[in-house]
C-alpha atoms as a PDB file:
ATOM      1  CA  MET A   1      -4.223   0.291 -23.865  1.00  0.00           C
ATOM      2  CA  PRO A   2      -0.620   1.823 -23.026  1.00  0.00           C
ATOM      3  CA  GLU A   3       2.399   0.626 -24.039  1.00  0.00           C
ATOM      4  CA  LEU A   4       3.456  -2.237 -21.493  1.00  0.00           C
ATOM      5  CA  ALA A   5       6.668  -1.878 -22.115  1.00  0.00           C
ATOM      6  CA  ALA A   6       7.271   0.549 -19.502  1.00  0.00           C
ATOM      7  CA  LEU A   7       5.721  -1.073 -16.590  1.00  0.00           C
ATOM      8  CA  SER A   8       7.009  -4.552 -17.293  1.00  0.00           C
ATOM      9  CA  GLU A   9      10.722  -2.489 -17.197  1.00  0.00           C
ATOM     10  CA  THR A  10       9.150  -1.074 -13.630  1.00  0.00           C
ATOM     11  CA  LEU A  11       8.263  -4.222 -12.760  1.00  0.00           C
ATOM     12  CA  GLY A  12      11.816  -5.346 -12.903  1.00  0.00           C
ATOM     13  CA  VAL A  13      10.665  -7.599 -15.174  1.00  0.00           C
ATOM     14  CA  PRO A  14      11.537  -6.297 -18.983  1.00  0.00           C
ATOM     15  CA  ASP A  15      11.023  -9.728 -20.803  1.00  0.00           C
ATOM     16  CA  LEU A  16       7.833 -10.509 -18.865  1.00  0.00           C
ATOM     17  CA  ASP A  17       5.921 -11.878 -21.809  1.00  0.00           C
ATOM     18  CA  PRO A  18       3.792  -9.411 -23.022  1.00  0.00           C
ATOM     19  CA  GLU A  19       0.449 -11.669 -23.694  1.00  0.00           C
ATOM     20  CA  LEU A  20       1.053 -12.956 -19.984  1.00  0.00           C
ATOM     21  CA  LEU A  21       0.618  -9.553 -18.352  1.00  0.00           C
ATOM     22  CA  THR A  22      -2.227  -8.335 -20.836  1.00  0.00           C
ATOM     23  CA  HIS A  23      -3.832 -11.252 -19.414  1.00  0.00           C
ATOM     24  CA  ALA A  24      -2.791 -10.431 -15.899  1.00  0.00           C
ATOM     25  CA  LEU A  25      -4.660  -6.699 -16.189  1.00  0.00           C
ATOM     26  CA  THR A  26      -8.102  -7.982 -18.105  1.00  0.00           C
ATOM     27  CA  HIS A  27     -10.353  -7.647 -15.545  1.00  0.00           C
ATOM     28  CA  ARG A  28     -13.593 -10.086 -15.968  1.00  0.00           C
ATOM     29  CA  SER A  29     -16.222  -7.198 -17.188  1.00  0.00           C
ATOM     30  CA  PHE A  30     -13.497  -6.600 -20.269  1.00  0.00           C
ATOM     31  CA  SER A  31     -13.988 -10.472 -20.497  1.00  0.00           C
ATOM     32  CA  TYR A  32     -17.529 -10.869 -20.596  1.00  0.00           C
ATOM     33  CA  GLU A  33     -18.015  -8.082 -23.047  1.00  0.00           C
ATOM     34  CA  ASN A  34     -15.050 -10.057 -24.969  1.00  0.00           C
ATOM     35  CA  GLY A  35     -16.208 -12.960 -25.794  1.00  0.00           C
ATOM     36  CA  GLN A  36     -15.316 -14.439 -22.081  1.00  0.00           C
ATOM     37  CA  ILE A  37     -11.896 -14.746 -22.954  1.00  0.00           C
ATOM     38  CA  PRO A  38      -9.711 -15.592 -20.079  1.00  0.00           C
ATOM     39  CA  ASN A  39      -9.614 -12.926 -17.570  1.00  0.00           C
ATOM     40  CA  ASN A  40      -6.862 -12.605 -14.353  1.00  0.00           C
ATOM     41  CA  GLU A  41      -8.750 -14.418 -11.496  1.00  0.00           C
ATOM     42  CA  ARG A  42      -6.621 -17.114 -11.506  1.00  0.00           C
ATOM     43  CA  LEU A  43      -3.468 -15.191 -11.911  1.00  0.00           C
ATOM     44  CA  GLU A  44      -4.840 -13.660  -9.303  1.00  0.00           C
ATOM     45  CA  PHE A  45      -5.099 -16.424  -7.199  1.00  0.00           C
ATOM     46  CA  LEU A  46      -1.779 -17.263  -7.507  1.00  0.00           C
ATOM     47  CA  GLY A  47      -0.206 -14.242  -6.832  1.00  0.00           C
ATOM     48  CA  ASP A  48      -1.947 -14.250  -3.835  1.00  0.00           C
ATOM     49  CA  SER A  49      -0.270 -17.124  -2.517  1.00  0.00           C
ATOM     50  CA  VAL A  50       2.799 -16.186  -3.882  1.00  0.00           C
ATOM     51  CA  LEU A  51       3.024 -12.616  -2.499  1.00  0.00           C
ATOM     52  CA  GLY A  52       2.017 -14.025   1.265  1.00  0.00           C
ATOM     53  CA  LEU A  53       4.413 -16.761   1.022  1.00  0.00           C
ATOM     54  CA  VAL A  54       7.314 -14.191   0.593  1.00  0.00           C
ATOM     55  CA  VAL A  55       6.254 -11.396   2.769  1.00  0.00           C
ATOM     56  CA  THR A  56       5.688 -14.554   5.565  1.00  0.00           C
ATOM     57  CA  GLU A  57       9.486 -15.358   5.086  1.00  0.00           C
ATOM     58  CA  THR A  58      10.684 -11.619   4.980  1.00  0.00           C
ATOM     59  CA  LEU A  59       8.739 -10.615   8.034  1.00  0.00           C
ATOM     60  CA  PHE A  60       9.722 -14.313  10.176  1.00  0.00           C
ATOM     61  CA  ARG A  61      13.249 -13.843   9.361  1.00  0.00           C
ATOM     62  CA  GLY A  62      13.384 -10.392   9.805  1.00  0.00           C
ATOM     63  CA  HIS A  63      11.725 -10.079  12.836  1.00  0.00           C
ATOM     64  CA  PRO A  64      12.704 -13.190  14.971  1.00  0.00           C
ATOM     65  CA  ASP A  65      11.520 -11.540  18.301  1.00  0.00           C
ATOM     66  CA  LEU A  66       7.970 -10.996  17.384  1.00  0.00           C
ATOM     67  CA  PRO A  67       4.954 -13.179  18.439  1.00  0.00           C
ATOM     68  CA  GLU A  68       3.099 -15.255  15.781  1.00  0.00           C
ATOM     69  CA  GLY A  69       0.087 -13.469  16.445  1.00  0.00           C
ATOM     70  CA  GLN A  70       2.089 -10.060  16.007  1.00  0.00           C
ATOM     71  CA  LEU A  71       3.842 -11.403  12.437  1.00  0.00           C
ATOM     72  CA  ALA A  72       0.209 -12.781  11.609  1.00  0.00           C
ATOM     73  CA  LYS A  73      -0.830  -8.692  12.071  1.00  0.00           C
ATOM     74  CA  LEU A  74       2.483  -7.308  10.250  1.00  0.00           C
ATOM     75  CA  ARG A  75       1.370  -9.153   7.392  1.00  0.00           C
ATOM     76  CA  ALA A  76      -2.222  -8.187   6.997  1.00  0.00           C
ATOM     77  CA  ALA A  77      -1.338  -5.337   6.924  1.00  0.00           C
ATOM     78  CA  VAL A  78       1.072  -5.755   3.918  1.00  0.00           C
ATOM     79  CA  VAL A  79      -1.129  -7.710   1.869  1.00  0.00           C
ATOM     80  CA  SER A  80      -4.643  -6.016   2.774  1.00  0.00           C
ATOM     81  CA  ALA A  81      -6.562  -4.669   0.057  1.00  0.00           C
ATOM     82  CA  LYS A  82      -5.885  -0.893   0.720  1.00  0.00           C
ATOM     83  CA  ALA A  83      -2.041  -1.824   0.633  1.00  0.00           C
ATOM     84  CA  LEU A  84      -2.000  -3.530  -2.620  1.00  0.00           C
ATOM     85  CA  ALA A  85      -3.757  -0.570  -4.263  1.00  0.00           C
ATOM     86  CA  GLU A  86      -1.848   2.046  -3.084  1.00  0.00           C
ATOM     87  CA  VAL A  87       1.391  -0.398  -4.807  1.00  0.00           C
ATOM     88  CA  ALA A  88      -0.876  -0.568  -7.776  1.00  0.00           C
ATOM     89  CA  ARG A  89      -1.231   2.787  -7.910  1.00  0.00           C
ATOM     90  CA  THR A  90       2.279   3.644  -7.643  1.00  0.00           C
ATOM     91  CA  LEU A  91       3.214   1.622 -10.356  1.00  0.00           C
ATOM     92  CA  GLY A  92       0.323   2.992 -12.735  1.00  0.00           C
ATOM     93  CA  LEU A  93      -1.091   0.000 -12.668  1.00  0.00           C
ATOM     94  CA  GLY A  94      -4.648   1.329 -13.317  1.00  0.00           C
ATOM     95  CA  ASP A  95      -3.431   3.295 -16.817  1.00  0.00           C
ATOM     96  CA  HIS A  96      -3.089  -0.475 -18.412  1.00  0.00           C
ATOM     97  CA  LEU A  97      -6.435  -1.846 -17.246  1.00  0.00           C
ATOM     98  CA  ARG A  98      -8.444  -3.586 -19.593  1.00  0.00           C
ATOM     99  CA  LEU A  99     -12.270  -3.170 -18.327  1.00  0.00           C
ATOM    100  CA  GLY A 100     -15.344  -3.570 -19.259  1.00  0.00           C
ATOM    101  CA  ARG A 101     -17.701   0.090 -20.521  1.00  0.00           C
ATOM    102  CA  GLY A 102     -19.390  -0.179 -17.443  1.00  0.00           C
ATOM    103  CA  GLU A 103     -16.436  -0.470 -14.844  1.00  0.00           C
ATOM    104  CA  GLU A 104     -15.050   2.051 -17.293  1.00  0.00           C
ATOM    105  CA  ALA A 105     -17.474   4.109 -16.717  1.00  0.00           C
ATOM    106  CA  SER A 106     -17.518   4.119 -13.161  1.00  0.00           C
ATOM    107  CA  GLY A 107     -13.709   4.985 -12.393  1.00  0.00           C
ATOM    108  CA  GLY A 108     -12.455   1.348 -12.619  1.00  0.00           C
ATOM    109  CA  ARG A 109      -9.442   2.296 -12.830  1.00  0.00           C
ATOM    110  CA  ASN A 110      -9.142   3.663  -9.248  1.00  0.00           C
ATOM    111  CA  LYS A 111     -10.910   1.095  -7.454  1.00  0.00           C
ATOM    112  CA  PRO A 112      -8.847  -0.174  -4.828  1.00  0.00           C
ATOM    113  CA  SER A 113     -10.850  -3.679  -5.465  1.00  0.00           C
ATOM    114  CA  ILE A 114      -9.576  -4.101  -8.701  1.00  0.00           C
ATOM    115  CA  LEU A 115      -6.539  -2.600  -8.277  1.00  0.00           C
ATOM    116  CA  SER A 116      -5.621  -4.762  -5.797  1.00  0.00           C
ATOM    117  CA  ASP A 117      -6.764  -7.978  -7.587  1.00  0.00           C
ATOM    118  CA  ALA A 118      -4.286  -6.596 -10.573  1.00  0.00           C
ATOM    119  CA  MET A 119      -1.486  -6.497  -8.305  1.00  0.00           C
ATOM    120  CA  GLU A 120      -1.977  -9.717  -7.576  1.00  0.00           C
ATOM    121  CA  ALA A 121      -2.370 -11.025 -11.068  1.00  0.00           C
ATOM    122  CA  VAL A 122       0.329  -9.449 -12.269  1.00  0.00           C
ATOM    123  CA  LEU A 123       2.681 -11.165  -9.668  1.00  0.00           C
ATOM    124  CA  GLY A 124       1.058 -14.355 -10.213  1.00  0.00           C
ATOM    125  CA  ALA A 125       2.023 -13.836 -13.865  1.00  0.00           C
ATOM    126  CA  VAL A 126       5.843 -13.029 -12.936  1.00  0.00           C
ATOM    127  CA  PHE A 127       5.878 -16.372 -11.036  1.00  0.00           C
ATOM    128  CA  VAL A 128       4.211 -18.232 -13.621  1.00  0.00           C
ATOM    129  CA  GLU A 129       6.662 -17.177 -16.102  1.00  0.00           C
ATOM    130  CA  PHE A 130       9.976 -17.188 -14.119  1.00  0.00           C
ATOM    131  CA  GLY A 131       9.400 -19.131 -10.737  1.00  0.00           C
ATOM    132  CA  ILE A 132       9.653 -18.059  -6.987  1.00  0.00           C
ATOM    133  CA  GLU A 133      12.891 -16.583  -7.039  1.00  0.00           C
ATOM    134  CA  ARG A 134      12.637 -14.135 -10.014  1.00  0.00           C
ATOM    135  CA  ALA A 135       8.997 -13.633  -8.035  1.00  0.00           C
ATOM    136  CA  ALA A 136       9.932 -13.118  -4.993  1.00  0.00           C
ATOM    137  CA  ASP A 137      12.818 -10.168  -6.563  1.00  0.00           C
ATOM    138  CA  VAL A 138      10.206  -8.631  -8.092  1.00  0.00           C
ATOM    139  CA  ILE A 139       8.102  -8.384  -4.631  1.00  0.00           C
ATOM    140  CA  HIS A 140      10.825  -7.441  -2.936  1.00  0.00           C
ATOM    141  CA  SER A 141      11.491  -4.504  -4.639  1.00  0.00           C
ATOM    142  CA  ILE A 142       8.046  -3.117  -4.615  1.00  0.00           C
ATOM    143  CA  PHE A 143       6.651  -4.338  -1.018  1.00  0.00           C
ATOM    144  CA  ASP A 144       9.734  -4.007   1.496  1.00  0.00           C
ATOM    145  CA  PRO A 145       8.940  -0.054   1.911  1.00  0.00           C
ATOM    146  CA  VAL A 146       5.722  -1.075   2.797  1.00  0.00           C
ATOM    147  CA  ILE A 147       7.174  -3.871   5.015  1.00  0.00           C
ATOM    148  CA  ALA A 148       8.869  -1.708   6.525  1.00  0.00           C
ATOM    149  CA  ASP A 149       6.262   1.093   7.270  1.00  0.00           C
ATOM    150  CA  ALA A 150       3.911  -1.693   8.775  1.00  0.00           C
ATOM    151  CA  ALA A 151       6.630  -2.786  11.517  1.00  0.00           C
ATOM    152  CA  GLN A 152       6.941   1.320  11.980  1.00  0.00           C
ATOM    153  CA  MET A 153       3.263   1.476  12.907  1.00  0.00           C
ATOM    154  CA  GLY A 154       3.665  -0.390  16.049  1.00  0.00           C
ATOM    155  CA  ALA A 155       0.764  -2.917  17.708  1.00  0.00           C
ATOM    156  CA  GLY A 156      -2.245  -1.155  16.278  1.00  0.00           C
ATOM    157  CA  LEU A 157      -0.789  -1.298  12.345  1.00  0.00           C
ATOM    158  CA  ASP A 158      -2.654   1.727  11.585  1.00  0.00           C
ATOM    159  CA  TRP A 159      -1.251   5.476  11.730  1.00  0.00           C
ATOM    160  CA  LYS A 160      -4.133   6.656  13.860  1.00  0.00           C
ATOM    161  CA  THR A 161      -2.986   4.355  16.909  1.00  0.00           C
ATOM    162  CA  SER A 162       0.545   4.710  16.341  1.00  0.00           C
ATOM    163  CA  LEU A 163      -0.151   8.582  16.259  1.00  0.00           C
ATOM    164  CA  GLN A 164      -2.259   8.055  19.798  1.00  0.00           C
ATOM    165  CA  GLU A 165       1.142   6.084  20.849  1.00  0.00           C
ATOM    166  CA  ILE A 166       3.900   8.170  20.235  1.00  0.00           C
ATOM    167  CA  SER A 167       1.979  11.292  21.105  1.00  0.00           C
ATOM    168  CA  ALA A 168       1.467   9.657  25.039  1.00  0.00           C
ATOM    169  CA  LEU A 169       4.817   8.624  24.552  1.00  0.00           C
ATOM    170  CA  HIS A 170       5.866  12.378  24.000  1.00  0.00           C
ATOM    171  CA  GLY A 171       3.048  14.157  26.091  1.00  0.00           C
ATOM    172  CA  LEU A 172       1.256  15.465  23.531  1.00  0.00           C
ATOM    173  CA  GLY A 173      -2.059  15.021  24.683  1.00  0.00           C
ATOM    174  CA  VAL A 174      -5.067  13.386  22.564  1.00  0.00           C
ATOM    175  CA  PRO A 175      -4.739  13.816  18.638  1.00  0.00           C
ATOM    176  CA  VAL A 176      -8.072  15.713  17.683  1.00  0.00           C
ATOM    177  CA  TYR A 177      -9.094  15.390  14.252  1.00  0.00           C
ATOM    178  CA  VAL A 178     -10.760  18.193  11.901  1.00  0.00           C
ATOM    179  CA  LEU A 179     -12.514  16.900   8.947  1.00  0.00           C
ATOM    180  CA  GLU A 180     -13.856  18.984   5.827  1.00  0.00           C
ATOM    181  CA  GLY A 181     -15.639  16.957   2.450  1.00  0.00           C
ATOM    182  CA  THR A 182     -16.584  18.562  -0.465  1.00  0.00           C
ATOM    183  CA  GLY A 183     -17.789  17.654  -3.668  1.00  0.00           C
ATOM    184  CA  PRO A 184     -21.731  15.617  -4.032  1.00  0.00           C
ATOM    185  CA  ASP A 185     -22.620  13.140  -1.716  1.00  0.00           C
ATOM    186  CA  HIS A 186     -21.550  10.320  -4.252  1.00  0.00           C
ATOM    187  CA  ASP A 187     -18.185  11.459  -4.787  1.00  0.00           C
ATOM    188  CA  LYS A 188     -17.057  13.529  -2.112  1.00  0.00           C
ATOM    189  CA  THR A 189     -13.285  14.101  -1.283  1.00  0.00           C
ATOM    190  CA  PHE A 190     -12.462  14.736   2.295  1.00  0.00           C
ATOM    191  CA  THR A 191      -9.544  16.602   3.828  1.00  0.00           C
ATOM    192  CA  ALA A 192      -7.944  15.859   7.221  1.00  0.00           C
ATOM    193  CA  SER A 193      -5.954  17.995   9.607  1.00  0.00           C
ATOM    194  CA  VAL A 194      -4.812  16.622  13.327  1.00  0.00           C
ATOM    195  CA  VAL A 195      -4.229  18.904  16.264  1.00  0.00           C
ATOM    196  CA  LEU A 196      -2.115  17.889  19.386  1.00  0.00           C
ATOM    197  CA  ASN A 197      -1.684  20.149  21.824  1.00  0.00           C
ATOM    198  CA  ASP A 198      -0.497  23.524  19.828  1.00  0.00           C
ATOM    199  CA  GLN A 199       0.426  22.112  16.945  1.00  0.00           C
ATOM    200  CA  ARG A 200      -1.225  21.562  14.032  1.00  0.00           C
ATOM    201  CA  PHE A 201      -0.386  18.987  10.993  1.00  0.00           C
ATOM    202  CA  ASP A 202      -2.312  19.305   7.073  1.00  0.00           C
ATOM    203  CA  GLY A 203      -2.395  17.192   4.538  1.00  0.00           C
ATOM    204  CA  GLY A 204      -4.614  13.774   5.023  1.00  0.00           C
ATOM    205  CA  THR A 205      -6.994  13.698   1.704  1.00  0.00           C
ATOM    206  CA  GLY A 206      -8.919  10.743   1.105  1.00  0.00           C
ATOM    207  CA  ARG A 207     -12.275   9.758  -0.997  1.00  0.00           C
ATOM    208  CA  SER A 208     -13.493   8.704   2.903  1.00  0.00           C
ATOM    209  CA  LYS A 209     -12.919  10.188   6.094  1.00  0.00           C
ATOM    210  CA  LYS A 210     -10.795   7.325   7.427  1.00  0.00           C
ATOM    211  CA  ASP A 211      -8.383   7.609   4.547  1.00  0.00           C
ATOM    212  CA  ALA A 212      -7.607  11.337   5.175  1.00  0.00           C
ATOM    213  CA  GLU A 213      -7.462  10.694   9.053  1.00  0.00           C
ATOM    214  CA  GLN A 214      -5.398   7.986   7.877  1.00  0.00           C
ATOM    215  CA  MET A 215      -2.670  10.691   5.615  1.00  0.00           C
ATOM    216  CA  VAL A 216      -3.060  13.352   8.424  1.00  0.00           C
ATOM    217  CA  ALA A 217      -2.067  10.785  11.078  1.00  0.00           C
ATOM    218  CA  GLU A 218       0.668   9.424   9.157  1.00  0.00           C
ATOM    219  CA  ILE A 219       2.250  13.044   8.196  1.00  0.00           C
ATOM    220  CA  ALA A 220       2.234  13.970  12.200  1.00  0.00           C
ATOM    221  CA  TRP A 221       3.743  10.234  12.876  1.00  0.00           C
ATOM    222  CA  ARG A 222       6.717  10.875  10.608  1.00  0.00           C
ATOM    223  CA  SER A 223       6.746  14.523  11.749  1.00  0.00           C
ATOM    224  CA  ILE A 224       7.339  13.750  15.432  1.00  0.00           C
ATOM    225  CA  SER A 225       9.206  10.707  14.931  1.00  0.00           C
ATOM    226  CA  ALA A 226      11.806  13.292  13.146  1.00  0.00           C
ATOM    227  CA  ARG A 227      11.706  15.709  15.665  1.00  0.00           C
ATOM    228  CA  ALA A 228      12.447  13.160  18.094  1.00  0.00           C
ATOM    229  CA  ALA A 229      15.343  11.545  16.190  1.00  0.00           C
ATOM    230  CA  ALA A 230      17.358  14.798  16.038  1.00  0.00           C
ATOM    231  CA  ALA A 231      16.837  16.090  19.355  1.00  0.00           C
ATOM    232  CA  ASP A 232      17.836  12.120  20.434  1.00  0.00           C
ATOM    233  CA  GLY A 233      20.987  13.051  18.224  1.00  0.00           C
ATOM    234  CA  ALA A 234      21.983  16.114  19.083  1.00  0.00           C
ATOM    235  CA  ASN A 235      21.751  14.928  22.668  1.00  0.00           C
ATOM    236  CA  ALA A 236      24.038  12.067  22.016  1.00  0.00           C
ATOM    237  CA  HIS A 237      26.650  14.841  20.627  1.00  0.00           C
ATOM    238  CA  GLY A 238      26.796  17.039  23.410  1.00  0.00           C
ATOM    239  CA  ALA A 239      27.034  14.283  25.955  1.00  0.00           C
ATOM    240  CA  ARG A 240      30.142  12.672  24.001  1.00  0.00           C
ATOM    241  CA  THR A 241      31.508  16.250  23.663  1.00  0.00           C
ATOM    242  CA  SER A 242      31.003  17.642  27.142  1.00  0.00           C
END
């Protein structure tokens, strides 16, 4: 298993007990094959609650005008298995997992369920050793960008809904998605483009059609938002100088 010091440094807790971190990265499949040593499920249970508390407080304080229902939707988007798995991939968590032979052979290092559980377990480990304040610092450093993205995406809390909303706002028509799949049925990769009137946006990829469409919808949404912000800035500058 790769050296854990770099991962601890990335997490912002270079002094985290390596044995505790190793425990957090031990999947039950490894445990079963190695004499039922402790796996990461208890730490995952704890980390889930710690993450939920910190994210909930951040949303509560950062969005004082949002009703309870919308806050709940935002929290669900931030702490979803998909979001956690993406964060784990960014951190390179999969490289450090301890997996059984079966999970190793079936691509367990990139499975969203395993990655998201490990991410929660690592946060649980940080809490066990350092308490809530240090755990909150780690969570903020990693998840604040995820929270910001979720807040941007609107009521639908997904990029396709957000793209549809911004398209309607700017009179760009209904998004039309173009999908293409490559590879065998058991291991397909999908690419997606989206067309808005005469504008085409490319770059969506994923292991499922939904993931590819979400990615290209995000690309299009960010491009349209940037253009709109630039146009607003130019108009404001023109108004000041006229």
